Amino acid sequence: MINGNIEQFLDTGWYSEATLFYKGHVYWLEAQTDDAETIFFIDKWRAENEADMYYHSILEQNGTLPWARVPELHVNDLDLMKKLFLETPVFEGKTFWEVESEPAWLDETAPVRS
């Protein structure tokens, strides 16, 4: 992992609003919990990376930001959720472990670009 500690990421970062940049896309990871279950999701959209610290979302000509949810998991066991995240081919058809040295873990964002 670029710009981050893999152990820290796997301890807390993967489900607490983490932002990863990989091959021209932002992958925004978040979990939401209620009494019944935890929902973990990753939203993906096109972006440019700046110095492995910031990203600029890339808007369409009409000013929209197209994005996709890849994936959305509904589980009530955190260990199972982490296992599913690590085994799901989210990153261009590859799992987290197949790309773990390539994504940049970003803390902040910069303005969008069109």
PDB file of N, CA and C in Angstrom:
ATOM      1  N   MET A   1       0.836  -1.175   0.000  1.00  0.00           N
ATOM      2  CA  MET A   1       0.000   0.000   0.000  1.00  0.00           C
ATOM      3  C   MET A   1       0.884   1.243   0.000  1.00  0.00           C
ATOM      4  N   ILE A   2       0.577   2.134  -0.918  1.00  0.00           N
ATOM      5  CA  ILE A   2       1.317   3.383  -1.019  1.00  0.00           C
ATOM      6  C   ILE A   2       0.720   4.393  -0.041  1.00  0.00           C
ATOM      7  N   ASN A   3       1.579   5.134   0.619  1.00  0.00           N
ATOM      8  CA  ASN A   3       1.140   6.224   1.481  1.00  0.00           C
ATOM      9  C   ASN A   3       0.299   5.745   2.661  1.00  0.00           C
ATOM     10  N   GLY A   4       0.571   4.530   3.135  1.00  0.00           N
ATOM     11  CA  GLY A   4      -0.186   4.028   4.272  1.00  0.00           C
ATOM     12  C   GLY A   4       0.399   2.742   4.803  1.00  0.00           C
ATOM     13  N   ASN A   5       0.014   2.410   6.001  1.00  0.00           N
ATOM     14  CA  ASN A   5       0.473   1.206   6.660  1.00  0.00           C
ATOM     15  C   ASN A   5      -0.579   0.116   6.478  1.00  0.00           C
ATOM     16  N   ILE A   6      -0.207  -0.990   5.866  1.00  0.00           N
ATOM     17  CA  ILE A   6      -1.156  -2.064   5.566  1.00  0.00           C
ATOM     18  C   ILE A   6      -1.791  -2.627   6.835  1.00  0.00           C
ATOM     19  N   GLU A   7      -1.023  -2.741   7.913  1.00  0.00           N
ATOM     20  CA  GLU A   7      -1.578  -3.272   9.157  1.00  0.00           C
ATOM     21  C   GLU A   7      -2.616  -2.323   9.745  1.00  0.00           C
ATOM     22  N   GLN A   8      -2.337  -1.020   9.713  1.00  0.00           N
ATOM     23  CA  GLN A   8      -3.308  -0.041  10.207  1.00  0.00           C
ATOM     24  C   GLN A   8      -4.564  -0.054   9.347  1.00  0.00           C
ATOM     25  N   PHE A   9      -4.385  -0.139   8.033  1.00  0.00           N
ATOM     26  CA  PHE A   9      -5.525  -0.179   7.127  1.00  0.00           C
ATOM     27  C   PHE A   9      -6.413  -1.378   7.420  1.00  0.00           C
ATOM     28  N   LEU A  10      -5.818  -2.552   7.584  1.00  0.00           N
ATOM     29  CA  LEU A  10      -6.605  -3.753   7.834  1.00  0.00           C
ATOM     30  C   LEU A  10      -7.194  -3.779   9.243  1.00  0.00           C
ATOM     31  N   ASP A  11      -6.600  -3.026  10.157  1.00  0.00           N
ATOM     32  CA  ASP A  11      -7.136  -2.960  11.514  1.00  0.00           C
ATOM     33  C   ASP A  11      -8.403  -2.107  11.568  1.00  0.00           C
ATOM     34  N   THR A  12      -8.384  -0.945  10.942  1.00  0.00           N
ATOM     35  CA  THR A  12      -9.537  -0.043  11.037  1.00  0.00           C
ATOM     36  C   THR A  12      -9.901   0.659   9.738  1.00  0.00           C
ATOM     37  N   GLY A  13      -8.936   0.903   8.865  1.00  0.00           N
ATOM     38  CA  GLY A  13      -9.160   1.784   7.712  1.00  0.00           C
ATOM     39  C   GLY A  13     -10.131   1.280   6.686  1.00  0.00           C
ATOM     40  N   TRP A  14     -10.202  -0.006   6.489  1.00  0.00           N
ATOM     41  CA  TRP A  14     -11.015  -0.544   5.398  1.00  0.00           C
ATOM     42  C   TRP A  14     -12.512  -0.321   5.594  1.00  0.00           C
ATOM     43  N   TYR A  15     -12.975  -0.110   6.805  1.00  0.00           N
ATOM     44  CA  TYR A  15     -14.406   0.099   7.012  1.00  0.00           C
ATOM     45  C   TYR A  15     -14.745   1.466   7.606  1.00  0.00           C
ATOM     46  N   SER A  16     -13.771   2.350   7.715  1.00  0.00           N
ATOM     47  CA  SER A  16     -14.051   3.641   8.358  1.00  0.00           C
ATOM     48  C   SER A  16     -13.800   4.815   7.410  1.00  0.00           C
ATOM     49  N   GLU A  17     -14.511   4.832   6.312  1.00  0.00           N
ATOM     50  CA  GLU A  17     -14.440   5.897   5.323  1.00  0.00           C
ATOM     51  C   GLU A  17     -13.035   6.094   4.763  1.00  0.00           C
ATOM     52  N   ALA A  18     -12.428   5.022   4.313  1.00  0.00           N
ATOM     53  CA  ALA A  18     -11.108   5.086   3.690  1.00  0.00           C
ATOM     54  C   ALA A  18     -11.251   5.410   2.210  1.00  0.00           C
ATOM     55  N   THR A  19     -10.246   6.093   1.679  1.00  0.00           N
ATOM     56  CA  THR A  19     -10.204   6.414   0.259  1.00  0.00           C
ATOM     57  C   THR A  19      -8.946   5.812  -0.336  1.00  0.00           C
ATOM     58  N   LEU A  20      -9.115   4.930  -1.322  1.00  0.00           N
ATOM     59  CA  LEU A  20      -7.987   4.334  -2.029  1.00  0.00           C
ATOM     60  C   LEU A  20      -7.996   4.820  -3.473  1.00  0.00           C
ATOM     61  N   PHE A  21      -6.818   5.018  -4.035  1.00  0.00           N
ATOM     62  CA  PHE A  21      -6.686   5.363  -5.448  1.00  0.00           C
ATOM     63  C   PHE A  21      -5.965   4.215  -6.131  1.00  0.00           C
ATOM     64  N   TYR A  22      -6.576   3.682  -7.202  1.00  0.00           N
ATOM     65  CA  TYR A  22      -5.982   2.559  -7.920  1.00  0.00           C
ATOM     66  C   TYR A  22      -6.326   2.671  -9.397  1.00  0.00           C
ATOM     67  N   LYS A  23      -5.303   2.753 -10.230  1.00  0.00           N
ATOM     68  CA  LYS A  23      -5.438   2.742 -11.694  1.00  0.00           C
ATOM     69  C   LYS A  23      -6.537   3.664 -12.221  1.00  0.00           C
ATOM     70  N   GLY A  24      -6.445   4.945 -11.851  1.00  0.00           N
ATOM     71  CA  GLY A  24      -7.343   5.931 -12.415  1.00  0.00           C
ATOM     72  C   GLY A  24      -8.715   6.017 -11.770  1.00  0.00           C
ATOM     73  N   HIS A  25      -8.893   5.364 -10.636  1.00  0.00           N
ATOM     74  CA  HIS A  25     -10.179   5.402  -9.952  1.00  0.00           C
ATOM     75  C   HIS A  25      -9.995   5.590  -8.451  1.00  0.00           C
ATOM     76  N   VAL A  26     -10.940   6.282  -7.855  1.00  0.00           N
ATOM     77  CA  VAL A  26     -11.053   6.343  -6.400  1.00  0.00           C
ATOM     78  C   VAL A  26     -11.975   5.215  -5.974  1.00  0.00           C
ATOM     79  N   TYR A  27     -11.600   4.545  -4.911  1.00  0.00           N
ATOM     80  CA  TYR A  27     -12.427   3.529  -4.266  1.00  0.00           C
ATOM     81  C   TYR A  27     -12.679   4.041  -2.854  1.00  0.00           C
ATOM     82  N   TRP A  28     -13.916   4.419  -2.584  1.00  0.00           N
ATOM     83  CA  TRP A  28     -14.278   4.979  -1.287  1.00  0.00           C
ATOM     84  C   TRP A  28     -14.989   3.912  -0.468  1.00  0.00           C
ATOM     85  N   LEU A  29     -14.382   3.509   0.653  1.00  0.00           N
ATOM     86  CA  LEU A  29     -14.870   2.411   1.473  1.00  0.00           C
ATOM     87  C   LEU A  29     -15.536   2.949   2.730  1.00  0.00           C
ATOM     88  N   GLU A  30     -16.689   2.397   3.065  1.00  0.00           N
ATOM     89  CA  GLU A  30     -17.395   2.827   4.270  1.00  0.00           C
ATOM     90  C   GLU A  30     -18.290   1.709   4.777  1.00  0.00           C
ATOM     91  N   ALA A  31     -18.499   1.689   6.085  1.00  0.00           N
ATOM     92  CA  ALA A  31     -19.465   0.780   6.701  1.00  0.00           C
ATOM     93  C   ALA A  31     -20.444   1.587   7.523  1.00  0.00           C
ATOM     94  N   GLN A  32     -21.696   1.166   7.515  1.00  0.00           N
ATOM     95  CA  GLN A  32     -22.747   1.774   8.320  1.00  0.00           C
ATOM     96  C   GLN A  32     -23.416   0.671   9.117  1.00  0.00           C
ATOM     97  N   THR A  33     -23.634   0.937  10.393  1.00  0.00           N
ATOM     98  CA  THR A  33     -24.188  -0.086  11.272  1.00  0.00           C
ATOM     99  C   THR A  33     -25.491   0.395  11.887  1.00  0.00           C
ATOM    100  N   ASP A  34     -26.466  -0.512  11.944  1.00  0.00           N
ATOM    101  CA  ASP A  34     -27.658  -0.265  12.734  1.00  0.00           C
ATOM    102  C   ASP A  34     -27.883  -1.471  13.642  1.00  0.00           C
ATOM    103  N   ASP A  35     -29.011  -1.567  14.265  1.00  0.00           N
ATOM    104  CA  ASP A  35     -29.255  -2.664  15.208  1.00  0.00           C
ATOM    105  C   ASP A  35     -29.284  -4.036  14.537  1.00  0.00           C
ATOM    106  N   ALA A  36     -29.691  -4.097  13.290  1.00  0.00           N
ATOM    107  CA  ALA A  36     -29.886  -5.378  12.619  1.00  0.00           C
ATOM    108  C   ALA A  36     -28.656  -5.892  11.868  1.00  0.00           C
ATOM    109  N   GLU A  37     -27.888  -4.991  11.242  1.00  0.00           N
ATOM    110  CA  GLU A  37     -26.781  -5.440  10.414  1.00  0.00           C
ATOM    111  C   GLU A  37     -25.783  -4.322  10.169  1.00  0.00           C
ATOM    112  N   THR A  38     -24.678  -4.699   9.568  1.00  0.00           N
ATOM    113  CA  THR A  38     -23.693  -3.732   9.098  1.00  0.00           C
ATOM    114  C   THR A  38     -23.673  -3.800   7.578  1.00  0.00           C
ATOM    115  N   ILE A  39     -23.683  -2.644   6.956  1.00  0.00           N
ATOM    116  CA  ILE A  39     -23.606  -2.563   5.505  1.00  0.00           C
ATOM    117  C   ILE A  39     -22.242  -1.984   5.165  1.00  0.00           C
ATOM    118  N   PHE A  40     -21.470  -2.733   4.406  1.00  0.00           N
ATOM    119  CA  PHE A  40     -20.162  -2.277   3.941  1.00  0.00           C
ATOM    120  C   PHE A  40     -20.259  -2.083   2.439  1.00  0.00           C
ATOM    121  N   PHE A  41     -19.771  -0.923   1.958  1.00  0.00           N
ATOM    122  CA  PHE A  41     -19.824  -0.701   0.520  1.00  0.00           C
ATOM    123  C   PHE A  41     -18.575   0.030   0.048  1.00  0.00           C
ATOM    124  N   ILE A  42     -18.329  -0.125  -1.242  1.00  0.00           N
ATOM    125  CA  ILE A  42     -17.243   0.576  -1.913  1.00  0.00           C
ATOM    126  C   ILE A  42     -17.839   1.280  -3.121  1.00  0.00           C
ATOM    127  N   ASP A  43     -17.648   2.593  -3.185  1.00  0.00           N
ATOM    128  CA  ASP A  43     -18.058   3.369  -4.351  1.00  0.00           C
ATOM    129  C   ASP A  43     -16.809   3.692  -5.164  1.00  0.00           C
ATOM    130  N   LYS A  44     -16.944   3.627  -6.480  1.00  0.00           N
ATOM    131  CA  LYS A  44     -15.803   3.797  -7.391  1.00  0.00           C
ATOM    132  C   LYS A  44     -16.142   4.848  -8.443  1.00  0.00           C
ATOM    133  N   TRP A  45     -15.183   5.762  -8.697  1.00  0.00           N
ATOM    134  CA  TRP A  45     -15.345   6.730  -9.777  1.00  0.00           C
ATOM    135  C   TRP A  45     -13.975   7.137 -10.313  1.00  0.00           C
ATOM    136  N   ARG A  46     -13.981   7.714 -11.518  1.00  0.00           N
ATOM    137  CA  ARG A  46     -12.733   8.129 -12.163  1.00  0.00           C
ATOM    138  C   ARG A  46     -12.130   9.329 -11.459  1.00  0.00           C
ATOM    139  N   ALA A  47     -10.806   9.325 -11.367  1.00  0.00           N
ATOM    140  CA  ALA A  47     -10.111  10.424 -10.703  1.00  0.00           C
ATOM    141  C   ALA A  47      -8.658  10.459 -11.150  1.00  0.00           C
ATOM    142  N   GLU A  48      -8.001  11.560 -10.818  1.00  0.00           N
ATOM    143  CA  GLU A  48      -6.557  11.705 -11.007  1.00  0.00           C
ATOM    144  C   GLU A  48      -5.919  11.779  -9.631  1.00  0.00           C
ATOM    145  N   ASN A  49      -4.746  11.221  -9.518  1.00  0.00           N
ATOM    146  CA  ASN A  49      -4.019  11.225  -8.253  1.00  0.00           C
ATOM    147  C   ASN A  49      -2.969  12.329  -8.290  1.00  0.00           C
ATOM    148  N   GLU A  50      -2.807  13.002  -7.180  1.00  0.00           N
ATOM    149  CA  GLU A  50      -1.791  14.040  -7.072  1.00  0.00           C
ATOM    150  C   GLU A  50      -0.856  13.709  -5.913  1.00  0.00           C
ATOM    151  N   ALA A  51       0.365  13.314  -6.250  1.00  0.00           N
ATOM    152  CA  ALA A  51       1.436  13.067  -5.281  1.00  0.00           C
ATOM    153  C   ALA A  51       1.073  12.021  -4.229  1.00  0.00           C
ATOM    154  N   ASP A  52       0.216  11.058  -4.592  1.00  0.00           N
ATOM    155  CA  ASP A  52      -0.218  10.020  -3.652  1.00  0.00           C
ATOM    156  C   ASP A  52      -0.785  10.604  -2.362  1.00  0.00           C
ATOM    157  N   MET A  53      -1.326  11.823  -2.442  1.00  0.00           N
ATOM    158  CA  MET A  53      -1.914  12.456  -1.268  1.00  0.00           C
ATOM    159  C   MET A  53      -3.344  12.919  -1.525  1.00  0.00           C
ATOM    160  N   TYR A  54      -3.603  13.440  -2.699  1.00  0.00           N
ATOM    161  CA  TYR A  54      -4.895  14.017  -3.019  1.00  0.00           C
ATOM    162  C   TYR A  54      -5.431  13.395  -4.294  1.00  0.00           C
ATOM    163  N   TYR A  55      -6.718  13.588  -4.518  1.00  0.00           N
ATOM    164  CA  TYR A  55      -7.268  13.173  -5.799  1.00  0.00           C
ATOM    165  C   TYR A  55      -8.201  14.254  -6.314  1.00  0.00           C
ATOM    166  N   HIS A  56      -8.371  14.243  -7.629  1.00  0.00           N
ATOM    167  CA  HIS A  56      -9.302  15.129  -8.300  1.00  0.00           C
ATOM    168  C   HIS A  56     -10.305  14.237  -9.014  1.00  0.00           C
ATOM    169  N   SER A  57     -11.570  14.315  -8.616  1.00  0.00           N
ATOM    170  CA  SER A  57     -12.606  13.560  -9.312  1.00  0.00           C
ATOM    171  C   SER A  57     -12.746  14.106 -10.724  1.00  0.00           C
ATOM    172  N   ILE A  58     -12.998  13.228 -11.670  1.00  0.00           N
ATOM    173  CA  ILE A  58     -13.132  13.635 -13.069  1.00  0.00           C
ATOM    174  C   ILE A  58     -14.611  13.645 -13.437  1.00  0.00           C
ATOM    175  N   LEU A  59     -15.130  14.830 -13.732  1.00  0.00           N
ATOM    176  CA  LEU A  59     -16.530  14.991 -14.089  1.00  0.00           C
ATOM    177  C   LEU A  59     -16.742  14.754 -15.582  1.00  0.00           C
ATOM    178  N   GLU A  60     -17.935  14.341 -15.917  1.00  0.00           N
ATOM    179  CA  GLU A  60     -18.332  14.254 -17.319  1.00  0.00           C
ATOM    180  C   GLU A  60     -18.515  15.671 -17.855  1.00  0.00           C
ATOM    181  N   GLN A  61     -18.637  15.815 -19.165  1.00  0.00           N
ATOM    182  CA  GLN A  61     -18.817  17.143 -19.758  1.00  0.00           C
ATOM    183  C   GLN A  61     -20.075  17.833 -19.255  1.00  0.00           C
ATOM    184  N   ASN A  62     -21.087  17.063 -18.868  1.00  0.00           N
ATOM    185  CA  ASN A  62     -22.321  17.663 -18.370  1.00  0.00           C
ATOM    186  C   ASN A  62     -22.261  17.980 -16.871  1.00  0.00           C
ATOM    187  N   GLY A  63     -21.096  17.805 -16.256  1.00  0.00           N
ATOM    188  CA  GLY A  63     -20.907  18.159 -14.857  1.00  0.00           C
ATOM    189  C   GLY A  63     -21.266  17.077 -13.854  1.00  0.00           C
ATOM    190  N   THR A  64     -21.648  15.897 -14.318  1.00  0.00           N
ATOM    191  CA  THR A  64     -21.997  14.811 -13.404  1.00  0.00           C
ATOM    192  C   THR A  64     -20.766  13.977 -13.055  1.00  0.00           C
ATOM    193  N   LEU A  65     -20.856  13.281 -11.952  1.00  0.00           N
ATOM    194  CA  LEU A  65     -19.796  12.380 -11.508  1.00  0.00           C
ATOM    195  C   LEU A  65     -20.348  10.958 -11.511  1.00  0.00           C
ATOM    196  N   PRO A  66     -20.125  10.230 -12.603  1.00  0.00           N
ATOM    197  CA  PRO A  66     -20.620   8.862 -12.636  1.00  0.00           C
ATOM    198  C   PRO A  66     -19.834   7.983 -11.659  1.00  0.00           C
ATOM    199  N   TRP A  67     -20.547   7.104 -10.964  1.00  0.00           N
ATOM    200  CA  TRP A  67     -19.909   6.224  -9.999  1.00  0.00           C
ATOM    201  C   TRP A  67     -20.639   4.886  -9.985  1.00  0.00           C
ATOM    202  N   ALA A  68     -19.988   3.913  -9.411  1.00  0.00           N
ATOM    203  CA  ALA A  68     -20.588   2.581  -9.285  1.00  0.00           C
ATOM    204  C   ALA A  68     -20.334   2.067  -7.877  1.00  0.00           C
ATOM    205  N   ARG A  69     -21.249   1.276  -7.370  1.00  0.00           N
ATOM    206  CA  ARG A  69     -21.075   0.624  -6.072  1.00  0.00           C
ATOM    207  C   ARG A  69     -20.536  -0.781  -6.340  1.00  0.00           C
ATOM    208  N   VAL A  70     -19.324  -1.056  -5.843  1.00  0.00           N
ATOM    209  CA  VAL A  70     -18.647  -2.329  -6.130  1.00  0.00           C
ATOM    210  C   VAL A  70     -17.915  -2.872  -4.907  1.00  0.00           C
ATOM    211  N   PRO A  71     -18.415  -3.567  -4.043  1.00  0.00           N
ATOM    212  CA  PRO A  71     -19.750  -4.141  -3.887  1.00  0.00           C
ATOM    213  C   PRO A  71     -20.484  -3.467  -2.746  1.00  0.00           C
ATOM    214  N   GLU A  72     -21.622  -4.054  -2.381  1.00  0.00           N
ATOM    215  CA  GLU A  72     -22.333  -3.703  -1.150  1.00  0.00           C
ATOM    216  C   GLU A  72     -22.594  -5.007  -0.412  1.00  0.00           C
ATOM    217  N   LEU A  73     -22.074  -5.102   0.803  1.00  0.00           N
ATOM    218  CA  LEU A  73     -22.196  -6.322   1.603  1.00  0.00           C
ATOM    219  C   LEU A  73     -23.062  -6.061   2.824  1.00  0.00           C
ATOM    220  N   HIS A  74     -23.986  -6.964   3.113  1.00  0.00           N
ATOM    221  CA  HIS A  74     -24.846  -6.872   4.290  1.00  0.00           C
ATOM    222  C   HIS A  74     -24.516  -8.058   5.190  1.00  0.00           C
ATOM    223  N   VAL A  75     -23.895  -7.777   6.306  1.00  0.00           N
ATOM    224  CA  VAL A  75     -23.435  -8.831   7.209  1.00  0.00           C
ATOM    225  C   VAL A  75     -23.570  -8.315   8.640  1.00  0.00           C
ATOM    226  N   ASN A  76     -23.731  -9.210   9.598  1.00  0.00           N
ATOM    227  CA  ASN A  76     -23.762  -8.768  10.990  1.00  0.00           C
ATOM    228  C   ASN A  76     -22.577  -9.297  11.789  1.00  0.00           C
ATOM    229  N   ASP A  77     -21.521  -9.704  11.082  1.00  0.00           N
ATOM    230  CA  ASP A  77     -20.301 -10.187  11.716  1.00  0.00           C
ATOM    231  C   ASP A  77     -19.109  -9.483  11.064  1.00  0.00           C
ATOM    232  N   LEU A  78     -18.380  -8.686  11.845  1.00  0.00           N
ATOM    233  CA  LEU A  78     -17.285  -7.885  11.308  1.00  0.00           C
ATOM    234  C   LEU A  78     -16.173  -8.746  10.705  1.00  0.00           C
ATOM    235  N   ASP A  79     -15.855  -9.865  11.332  1.00  0.00           N
ATOM    236  CA  ASP A  79     -14.811 -10.735  10.789  1.00  0.00           C
ATOM    237  C   ASP A  79     -15.211 -11.311   9.430  1.00  0.00           C
ATOM    238  N   LEU A  80     -16.471 -11.707   9.293  1.00  0.00           N
ATOM    239  CA  LEU A  80     -16.953 -12.215   8.010  1.00  0.00           C
ATOM    240  C   LEU A  80     -16.927 -11.102   6.965  1.00  0.00           C
ATOM    241  N   MET A  81     -17.311  -9.902   7.368  1.00  0.00           N
ATOM    242  CA  MET A  81     -17.303  -8.785   6.432  1.00  0.00           C
ATOM    243  C   MET A  81     -15.894  -8.510   5.926  1.00  0.00           C
ATOM    244  N   LYS A  82     -14.919  -8.513   6.827  1.00  0.00           N
ATOM    245  CA  LYS A  82     -13.526  -8.284   6.430  1.00  0.00           C
ATOM    246  C   LYS A  82     -13.058  -9.379   5.480  1.00  0.00           C
ATOM    247  N   LYS A  83     -13.403 -10.632   5.782  1.00  0.00           N
ATOM    248  CA  LYS A  83     -13.039 -11.764   4.914  1.00  0.00           C
ATOM    249  C   LYS A  83     -13.628 -11.576   3.518  1.00  0.00           C
ATOM    250  N   LEU A  84     -14.911 -11.210   3.457  1.00  0.00           N
ATOM    251  CA  LEU A  84     -15.560 -11.000   2.159  1.00  0.00           C
ATOM    252  C   LEU A  84     -14.926  -9.851   1.394  1.00  0.00           C
ATOM    253  N   PHE A  85     -14.608  -8.757   2.088  1.00  0.00           N
ATOM    254  CA  PHE A  85     -13.924  -7.638   1.431  1.00  0.00           C
ATOM    255  C   PHE A  85     -12.607  -8.097   0.827  1.00  0.00           C
ATOM    256  N   LEU A  86     -11.818  -8.838   1.571  1.00  0.00           N
ATOM    257  CA  LEU A  86     -10.499  -9.263   1.094  1.00  0.00           C
ATOM    258  C   LEU A  86     -10.584 -10.274  -0.045  1.00  0.00           C
ATOM    259  N   GLU A  87     -11.705 -10.989  -0.154  1.00  0.00           N
ATOM    260  CA  GLU A  87     -11.853 -12.027  -1.184  1.00  0.00           C
ATOM    261  C   GLU A  87     -12.632 -11.570  -2.412  1.00  0.00           C
ATOM    262  N   THR A  88     -13.281 -10.413  -2.341  1.00  0.00           N
ATOM    263  CA  THR A  88     -14.096  -9.936  -3.461  1.00  0.00           C
ATOM    264  C   THR A  88     -13.218  -9.214  -4.485  1.00  0.00           C
ATOM    265  N   PRO A  89     -13.333  -9.576  -5.767  1.00  0.00           N
ATOM    266  CA  PRO A  89     -12.504  -8.934  -6.808  1.00  0.00           C
ATOM    267  C   PRO A  89     -13.009  -7.537  -7.172  1.00  0.00           C
ATOM    268  N   VAL A  90     -12.703  -6.581  -6.320  1.00  0.00           N
ATOM    269  CA  VAL A  90     -13.189  -5.207  -6.455  1.00  0.00           C
ATOM    270  C   VAL A  90     -12.316  -4.370  -7.381  1.00  0.00           C
ATOM    271  N   PHE A  91     -11.020  -4.589  -7.364  1.00  0.00           N
ATOM    272  CA  PHE A  91     -10.050  -3.709  -8.022  1.00  0.00           C
ATOM    273  C   PHE A  91      -9.708  -4.232  -9.411  1.00  0.00           C
ATOM    274  N   GLU A  92     -10.482  -3.767 -10.407  1.00  0.00           N
ATOM    275  CA  GLU A  92     -10.274  -4.199 -11.790  1.00  0.00           C
ATOM    276  C   GLU A  92     -10.284  -5.724 -11.899  1.00  0.00           C
ATOM    277  N   GLY A  93     -11.193  -6.367 -11.180  1.00  0.00           N
ATOM    278  CA  GLY A  93     -11.321  -7.820 -11.220  1.00  0.00           C
ATOM    279  C   GLY A  93     -10.334  -8.555 -10.335  1.00  0.00           C
ATOM    280  N   LYS A  94      -9.609  -7.829  -9.508  1.00  0.00           N
ATOM    281  CA  LYS A  94      -8.634  -8.440  -8.611  1.00  0.00           C
ATOM    282  C   LYS A  94      -9.026  -8.175  -7.158  1.00  0.00           C
ATOM    283  N   THR A  95      -8.588  -9.062  -6.268  1.00  0.00           N
ATOM    284  CA  THR A  95      -8.858  -8.889  -4.848  1.00  0.00           C
ATOM    285  C   THR A  95      -7.862  -7.904  -4.245  1.00  0.00           C
ATOM    286  N   PHE A  96      -8.161  -7.473  -3.037  1.00  0.00           N
ATOM    287  CA  PHE A  96      -7.264  -6.569  -2.332  1.00  0.00           C
ATOM    288  C   PHE A  96      -5.863  -7.156  -2.241  1.00  0.00           C
ATOM    289  N   TRP A  97      -5.741  -8.433  -1.898  1.00  0.00           N
ATOM    290  CA  TRP A  97      -4.414  -9.043  -1.744  1.00  0.00           C
ATOM    291  C   TRP A  97      -3.653  -9.113  -3.060  1.00  0.00           C
ATOM    292  N   GLU A  98      -4.349  -9.203  -4.179  1.00  0.00           N
ATOM    293  CA  GLU A  98      -3.677  -9.239  -5.480  1.00  0.00           C
ATOM    294  C   GLU A  98      -3.109  -7.880  -5.882  1.00  0.00           C
ATOM    295  N   VAL A  99      -3.611  -6.802  -5.291  1.00  0.00           N
ATOM    296  CA  VAL A  99      -3.146  -5.461  -5.655  1.00  0.00           C
ATOM    297  C   VAL A  99      -2.592  -4.689  -4.472  1.00  0.00           C
ATOM    298  N   GLU A 100      -2.452  -5.291  -3.308  1.00  0.00           N
ATOM    299  CA  GLU A 100      -2.198  -4.573  -2.050  1.00  0.00           C
ATOM    300  C   GLU A 100      -1.004  -3.630  -2.079  1.00  0.00           C
ATOM    301  N   SER A 101      -0.036  -3.832  -2.934  1.00  0.00           N
ATOM    302  CA  SER A 101       1.113  -2.924  -2.972  1.00  0.00           C
ATOM    303  C   SER A 101       0.883  -1.723  -3.906  1.00  0.00           C
ATOM    304  N   GLU A 102      -0.213  -1.712  -4.669  1.00  0.00           N
ATOM    305  CA  GLU A 102      -0.435  -0.684  -5.681  1.00  0.00           C
ATOM    306  C   GLU A 102      -1.344   0.478  -5.276  1.00  0.00           C
ATOM    307  N   PRO A 103      -2.425   0.273  -4.501  1.00  0.00           N
ATOM    308  CA  PRO A 103      -3.291   1.414  -4.182  1.00  0.00           C
ATOM    309  C   PRO A 103      -2.622   2.421  -3.254  1.00  0.00           C
ATOM    310  N   ALA A 104      -2.977   3.686  -3.440  1.00  0.00           N
ATOM    311  CA  ALA A 104      -2.538   4.741  -2.531  1.00  0.00           C
ATOM    312  C   ALA A 104      -3.689   5.029  -1.572  1.00  0.00           C
ATOM    313  N   TRP A 105      -3.381   5.071  -0.287  1.00  0.00           N
ATOM    314  CA  TRP A 105      -4.374   5.391   0.738  1.00  0.00           C
ATOM    315  C   TRP A 105      -4.335   6.892   0.923  1.00  0.00           C
ATOM    316  N   LEU A 106      -5.410   7.574   0.551  1.00  0.00           N
ATOM    317  CA  LEU A 106      -5.464   9.022   0.576  1.00  0.00           C
ATOM    318  C   LEU A 106      -6.311   9.501   1.748  1.00  0.00           C
ATOM    319  N   ASP A 107      -5.876  10.564   2.399  1.00  0.00           N
ATOM    320  CA  ASP A 107      -6.595  11.101   3.546  1.00  0.00           C
ATOM    321  C   ASP A 107      -7.488  12.274   3.199  1.00  0.00           C
ATOM    322  N   GLU A 108      -7.122  13.032   2.177  1.00  0.00           N
ATOM    323  CA  GLU A 108      -7.862  14.250   1.872  1.00  0.00           C
ATOM    324  C   GLU A 108      -8.173  14.300   0.392  1.00  0.00           C
ATOM    325  N   THR A 109      -9.083  15.186   0.030  1.00  0.00           N
ATOM    326  CA  THR A 109      -9.425  15.361  -1.378  1.00  0.00           C
ATOM    327  C   THR A 109      -9.127  16.783  -1.820  1.00  0.00           C
ATOM    328  N   ALA A 110      -8.981  16.930  -3.099  1.00  0.00           N
ATOM    329  CA  ALA A 110      -8.770  18.238  -3.713  1.00  0.00           C
ATOM    330  C   ALA A 110      -9.971  18.520  -4.620  1.00  0.00           C
ATOM    331  N   PRO A 111     -10.094  19.720  -5.132  1.00  0.00           N
ATOM    332  CA  PRO A 111     -11.258  20.067  -5.970  1.00  0.00           C
ATOM    333  C   PRO A 111     -11.392  19.155  -7.190  1.00  0.00           C
ATOM    334  N   VAL A 112     -12.613  19.054  -7.687  1.00  0.00           N
ATOM    335  CA  VAL A 112     -12.881  18.252  -8.877  1.00  0.00           C
ATOM    336  C   VAL A 112     -12.363  18.954 -10.115  1.00  0.00           C
ATOM    337  N   ARG A 113     -12.177  18.171 -11.162  1.00  0.00           N
ATOM    338  CA  ARG A 113     -11.753  18.720 -12.457  1.00  0.00           C
ATOM    339  C   ARG A 113     -12.707  18.236 -13.508  1.00  0.00           C
ATOM    340  N   SER A 114     -12.981  19.087 -14.466  1.00  0.00           N
ATOM    341  CA  SER A 114     -13.837  18.667 -15.574  1.00  0.00           C
ATOM    342  C   SER A 114     -13.058  18.652 -16.862  1.00  0.00           C
TER     343      SER A 114
END
